[in-house]
């Protein structure tokens, strides 16, 4: 399951580089926050703390409760970096930790 969540998050962040209505970015903020927390908890329980804490940092940046307001030019590279991070999580969970994705 973690692999599917990470892939969906990576795709959503990549789509965010397009010019879309503001509602998409509000929904993205909520989805990436949830994906970061979920994947971070699963990776922390699998003793991959460095990757888990990087996902918690992503969740903090995208949190919908105390939003970080930045310009579109600043969010663009952040979205791409976070998409790459979620892509790496999906790759790593498929290779290194197959038991996480099945639980």
N, C-alpha and C. Protein backbone atom coordinates (compact mmCIF):
# COMPACT_ATOMS: atom_id res chain seq x y z
N UNK A 1 0.82 -1.20 0.00
CA UNK A 1 0.00 0.00 0.00
C UNK A 1 0.86 1.26 0.00
N UNK A 2 1.98 1.23 0.71
CA UNK A 2 2.84 2.41 0.77
C UNK A 2 3.36 2.78 -0.63
N UNK A 3 3.61 1.76 -1.43
CA UNK A 3 4.11 2.03 -2.78
C UNK A 3 3.06 2.73 -3.63
N UNK A 4 1.81 2.32 -3.52
CA UNK A 4 0.73 2.95 -4.27
C UNK A 4 0.53 4.39 -3.82
N UNK A 5 0.55 4.63 -2.52
CA UNK A 5 0.39 5.98 -1.98
C UNK A 5 1.52 6.88 -2.47
N UNK A 6 2.75 6.37 -2.43
CA UNK A 6 3.90 7.16 -2.87
C UNK A 6 3.83 7.47 -4.36
N UNK A 7 3.41 6.52 -5.17
CA UNK A 7 3.29 6.75 -6.62
C UNK A 7 2.20 7.79 -6.89
N UNK A 8 1.07 7.68 -6.21
CA UNK A 8 -0.01 8.66 -6.40
C UNK A 8 0.45 10.06 -5.99
N UNK A 9 1.18 10.15 -4.90
CA UNK A 9 1.69 11.45 -4.45
C UNK A 9 2.68 12.02 -5.46
N UNK A 10 3.56 11.19 -5.99
CA UNK A 10 4.53 11.66 -6.98
C UNK A 10 3.83 12.15 -8.25
N UNK A 11 2.82 11.43 -8.69
CA UNK A 11 2.08 11.85 -9.89
C UNK A 11 1.33 13.15 -9.63
N UNK A 12 0.68 13.27 -8.48
CA UNK A 12 -0.05 14.49 -8.14
C UNK A 12 0.88 15.70 -8.06
N UNK A 13 2.07 15.51 -7.51
CA UNK A 13 3.04 16.60 -7.42
C UNK A 13 3.58 16.98 -8.79
N UNK A 14 3.74 16.01 -9.66
CA UNK A 14 4.21 16.30 -11.02
C UNK A 14 3.13 17.06 -11.79
N UNK A 15 1.88 16.67 -11.63
CA UNK A 15 0.78 17.38 -12.28
C UNK A 15 0.69 18.81 -11.77
N UNK A 16 1.09 19.04 -10.53
CA UNK A 16 1.03 20.38 -9.94
C UNK A 16 1.93 21.38 -10.63
N UNK A 17 2.85 20.92 -11.46
CA UNK A 17 3.71 21.85 -12.19
C UNK A 17 2.96 22.53 -13.33
N UNK A 18 1.78 22.01 -13.68
CA UNK A 18 0.95 22.64 -14.71
C UNK A 18 0.18 23.81 -14.10
N UNK A 19 -0.37 24.63 -14.94
CA UNK A 19 -1.19 25.74 -14.46
C UNK A 19 -2.62 25.24 -14.27
N UNK A 20 -3.01 25.05 -13.03
CA UNK A 20 -4.31 24.46 -12.69
C UNK A 20 -5.07 25.40 -11.76
N UNK A 21 -6.37 25.17 -11.60
CA UNK A 21 -7.15 26.00 -10.66
C UNK A 21 -6.63 25.87 -9.23
N UNK A 22 -6.88 26.90 -8.45
CA UNK A 22 -6.38 26.95 -7.07
C UNK A 22 -6.91 25.78 -6.23
N UNK A 23 -8.10 25.31 -6.53
CA UNK A 23 -8.68 24.20 -5.79
C UNK A 23 -7.82 22.94 -5.85
N UNK A 24 -7.16 22.72 -7.00
CA UNK A 24 -6.28 21.54 -7.11
C UNK A 24 -5.15 21.63 -6.09
N UNK A 25 -4.59 22.82 -5.94
CA UNK A 25 -3.45 22.98 -5.03
C UNK A 25 -3.89 22.85 -3.57
N UNK A 26 -5.12 23.25 -3.28
CA UNK A 26 -5.63 23.05 -1.92
C UNK A 26 -5.82 21.56 -1.64
N UNK A 27 -6.37 20.84 -2.61
CA UNK A 27 -6.53 19.40 -2.46
C UNK A 27 -5.17 18.70 -2.42
N UNK A 28 -4.23 19.18 -3.22
CA UNK A 28 -2.87 18.63 -3.23
C UNK A 28 -2.23 18.77 -1.85
N UNK A 29 -2.41 19.92 -1.24
CA UNK A 29 -1.84 20.17 0.09
C UNK A 29 -2.33 19.13 1.09
N UNK A 30 -3.61 18.86 1.07
CA UNK A 30 -4.19 17.87 1.98
C UNK A 30 -3.70 16.46 1.65
N UNK A 31 -3.67 16.11 0.37
CA UNK A 31 -3.25 14.77 -0.04
C UNK A 31 -1.78 14.50 0.25
N UNK A 32 -0.91 15.46 -0.02
CA UNK A 32 0.52 15.27 0.23
C UNK A 32 0.81 15.25 1.72
N UNK A 33 0.07 16.04 2.48
CA UNK A 33 0.20 16.00 3.93
C UNK A 33 -0.12 14.59 4.45
N UNK A 34 -1.24 14.05 4.01
CA UNK A 34 -1.65 12.70 4.44
C UNK A 34 -0.67 11.64 3.95
N UNK A 35 -0.24 11.74 2.70
CA UNK A 35 0.70 10.76 2.15
C UNK A 35 2.04 10.81 2.88
N UNK A 36 2.51 12.01 3.19
CA UNK A 36 3.78 12.14 3.91
C UNK A 36 3.72 11.53 5.30
N UNK A 37 2.62 11.78 6.00
CA UNK A 37 2.45 11.21 7.34
C UNK A 37 2.34 9.69 7.26
N UNK A 38 1.51 9.18 6.35
CA UNK A 38 1.29 7.74 6.23
C UNK A 38 2.59 7.02 5.88
N UNK A 39 3.24 7.47 4.82
CA UNK A 39 4.49 6.81 4.39
C UNK A 39 5.58 6.96 5.44
N UNK A 40 5.63 8.13 6.08
CA UNK A 40 6.63 8.35 7.12
C UNK A 40 6.46 7.40 8.30
N UNK A 41 5.21 7.20 8.72
CA UNK A 41 4.95 6.28 9.83
C UNK A 41 5.33 4.86 9.46
N UNK A 42 4.96 4.44 8.25
CA UNK A 42 5.28 3.08 7.81
C UNK A 42 6.80 2.88 7.71
N UNK A 43 7.51 3.87 7.19
CA UNK A 43 8.97 3.74 7.07
C UNK A 43 9.65 3.80 8.43
N UNK A 44 9.12 4.61 9.34
CA UNK A 44 9.70 4.68 10.68
C UNK A 44 9.54 3.34 11.39
N UNK A 45 8.40 2.69 11.20
CA UNK A 45 8.21 1.38 11.83
C UNK A 45 9.09 0.31 11.19
N UNK A 46 9.59 0.58 9.97
CA UNK A 46 10.51 -0.36 9.31
C UNK A 46 11.96 0.05 9.53
N UNK A 47 12.20 0.95 10.49
CA UNK A 47 13.54 1.41 10.86
C UNK A 47 14.28 2.13 9.74
N UNK A 48 13.55 2.84 8.90
CA UNK A 48 14.18 3.68 7.88
C UNK A 48 13.92 5.13 8.29
N UNK A 49 14.58 5.54 9.37
CA UNK A 49 14.27 6.82 10.01
C UNK A 49 14.63 8.03 9.18
N UNK A 50 15.73 7.99 8.45
CA UNK A 50 16.12 9.16 7.65
C UNK A 50 15.08 9.47 6.58
N UNK A 51 14.64 8.45 5.89
CA UNK A 51 13.63 8.64 4.86
C UNK A 51 12.29 9.03 5.50
N UNK A 52 11.99 8.46 6.65
CA UNK A 52 10.74 8.79 7.35
C UNK A 52 10.73 10.26 7.75
N UNK A 53 11.83 10.75 8.30
CA UNK A 53 11.86 12.15 8.73
C UNK A 53 11.83 13.11 7.55
N UNK A 54 12.37 12.71 6.40
CA UNK A 54 12.26 13.57 5.23
C UNK A 54 10.81 13.64 4.76
N UNK A 55 10.06 12.55 4.89
CA UNK A 55 8.64 12.58 4.54
C UNK A 55 7.84 13.39 5.56
N UNK A 56 8.23 13.35 6.82
CA UNK A 56 7.57 14.19 7.81
C UNK A 56 7.83 15.67 7.51
N UNK A 57 9.01 16.00 7.01
CA UNK A 57 9.32 17.38 6.63
C UNK A 57 8.45 17.81 5.45
N UNK A 58 8.24 16.91 4.50
CA UNK A 58 7.35 17.21 3.37
C UNK A 58 5.93 17.45 3.89
N UNK A 59 5.48 16.60 4.80
CA UNK A 59 4.14 16.77 5.38
C UNK A 59 4.03 18.11 6.10
N UNK A 60 5.07 18.52 6.77
CA UNK A 60 5.07 19.80 7.46
C UNK A 60 4.97 20.96 6.46
N UNK A 61 5.70 20.87 5.36
CA UNK A 61 5.67 21.92 4.34
C UNK A 61 4.31 22.02 3.66
N UNK A 62 3.63 20.89 3.50
CA UNK A 62 2.34 20.87 2.80
C UNK A 62 1.15 20.85 3.76
N UNK A 63 1.38 21.03 5.05
CA UNK A 63 0.27 20.89 6.00
C UNK A 63 -0.82 21.92 5.73
N UNK A 64 -2.08 21.49 5.81
CA UNK A 64 -3.19 22.40 5.51
C UNK A 64 -3.64 23.25 6.70
N UNK A 65 -3.11 22.99 7.88
CA UNK A 65 -3.55 23.68 9.08
C UNK A 65 -2.80 24.98 9.31
N UNK A 66 -1.51 24.97 9.07
CA UNK A 66 -0.68 26.18 9.12
C UNK A 66 0.05 26.27 7.78
N UNK A 67 -0.67 26.68 6.74
CA UNK A 67 -0.09 26.62 5.40
C UNK A 67 1.10 27.55 5.21
N UNK A 68 2.03 27.08 4.40
CA UNK A 68 3.18 27.87 4.00
C UNK A 68 2.81 28.54 2.68
N UNK A 69 2.78 29.87 2.65
CA UNK A 69 2.42 30.59 1.44
C UNK A 69 3.68 31.04 0.72
N UNK A 70 3.90 30.49 -0.45
CA UNK A 70 5.04 30.85 -1.29
C UNK A 70 4.53 31.12 -2.70
N UNK A 71 5.35 31.79 -3.50
CA UNK A 71 4.94 32.06 -4.88
C UNK A 71 5.02 30.78 -5.71
N UNK A 72 4.36 30.82 -6.85
CA UNK A 72 4.35 29.66 -7.75
C UNK A 72 5.77 29.30 -8.19
N UNK A 73 6.61 30.28 -8.40
CA UNK A 73 7.99 30.04 -8.84
C UNK A 73 8.79 29.29 -7.78
N UNK A 74 8.47 29.49 -6.54
CA UNK A 74 9.17 28.79 -5.46
C UNK A 74 8.59 27.39 -5.27
N UNK A 75 7.26 27.25 -5.40
CA UNK A 75 6.63 25.94 -5.22
C UNK A 75 7.00 24.96 -6.32
N UNK A 76 7.28 25.45 -7.52
CA UNK A 76 7.57 24.56 -8.65
C UNK A 76 8.73 23.61 -8.36
N UNK A 77 9.92 24.10 -7.98
CA UNK A 77 11.00 23.14 -7.67
C UNK A 77 10.73 22.30 -6.43
N UNK A 78 9.99 22.87 -5.47
CA UNK A 78 9.65 22.09 -4.27
C UNK A 78 8.76 20.91 -4.66
N UNK A 79 7.79 21.16 -5.54
CA UNK A 79 6.91 20.08 -6.01
C UNK A 79 7.71 18.99 -6.71
N UNK A 80 8.65 19.39 -7.55
CA UNK A 80 9.44 18.40 -8.29
C UNK A 80 10.36 17.60 -7.37
N UNK A 81 10.97 18.27 -6.40
CA UNK A 81 11.84 17.58 -5.45
C UNK A 81 11.03 16.59 -4.61
N UNK A 82 9.86 17.02 -4.16
CA UNK A 82 9.00 16.13 -3.37
C UNK A 82 8.47 14.97 -4.21
N UNK A 83 8.19 15.23 -5.49
CA UNK A 83 7.76 14.14 -6.38
C UNK A 83 8.88 13.12 -6.53
N UNK A 84 10.12 13.61 -6.66
CA UNK A 84 11.26 12.69 -6.75
C UNK A 84 11.43 11.90 -5.46
N UNK A 85 11.20 12.54 -4.33
CA UNK A 85 11.30 11.84 -3.04
C UNK A 85 10.25 10.74 -2.93
N UNK A 86 9.02 11.04 -3.28
CA UNK A 86 7.98 10.01 -3.24
C UNK A 86 8.25 8.92 -4.27
N UNK A 87 8.81 9.28 -5.41
CA UNK A 87 9.19 8.27 -6.39
C UNK A 87 10.27 7.35 -5.84
N UNK A 88 11.22 7.92 -5.13
CA UNK A 88 12.27 7.12 -4.49
C UNK A 88 11.69 6.19 -3.43
N UNK A 89 10.73 6.70 -2.67
CA UNK A 89 10.07 5.86 -1.66
C UNK A 89 9.37 4.69 -2.32
N UNK A 90 8.67 4.94 -3.42
CA UNK A 90 7.98 3.86 -4.13
C UNK A 90 8.98 2.83 -4.66
N UNK A 91 10.09 3.31 -5.21
CA UNK A 91 11.13 2.41 -5.72
C UNK A 91 11.74 1.59 -4.59
N UNK A 92 12.07 2.26 -3.51
CA UNK A 92 12.74 1.60 -2.38
C UNK A 92 11.82 0.58 -1.72
N UNK A 93 10.56 0.90 -1.59
CA UNK A 93 9.63 -0.05 -0.97
C UNK A 93 9.39 -1.25 -1.86
N UNK A 94 9.51 -1.07 -3.15
CA UNK A 94 9.35 -2.20 -4.05
C UNK A 94 10.55 -3.11 -4.04
N UNK A 95 11.72 -2.57 -3.74
CA UNK A 95 12.96 -3.35 -3.77
C UNK A 95 13.39 -3.83 -2.39
N UNK A 96 13.49 -2.89 -1.45
CA UNK A 96 14.10 -3.20 -0.17
C UNK A 96 13.12 -3.74 0.87
N UNK A 97 11.93 -3.18 0.92
CA UNK A 97 11.01 -3.48 2.00
C UNK A 97 9.68 -3.97 1.42
N UNK A 98 9.64 -5.13 0.78
CA UNK A 98 8.38 -5.56 0.18
C UNK A 98 7.29 -5.86 1.20
N UNK A 99 7.66 -6.17 2.44
CA UNK A 99 6.66 -6.51 3.45
C UNK A 99 5.83 -5.29 3.84
N UNK A 100 6.38 -4.08 3.73
CA UNK A 100 5.64 -2.89 4.11
C UNK A 100 4.46 -2.69 3.18
N UNK A 101 4.68 -2.82 1.89
CA UNK A 101 3.62 -2.59 0.92
C UNK A 101 2.48 -3.58 1.02
N UNK A 102 2.73 -4.74 1.58
CA UNK A 102 1.69 -5.76 1.64
C UNK A 102 0.87 -5.72 2.92
N UNK A 103 1.27 -4.90 3.87
CA UNK A 103 0.53 -4.84 5.14
C UNK A 103 -0.33 -3.61 5.21
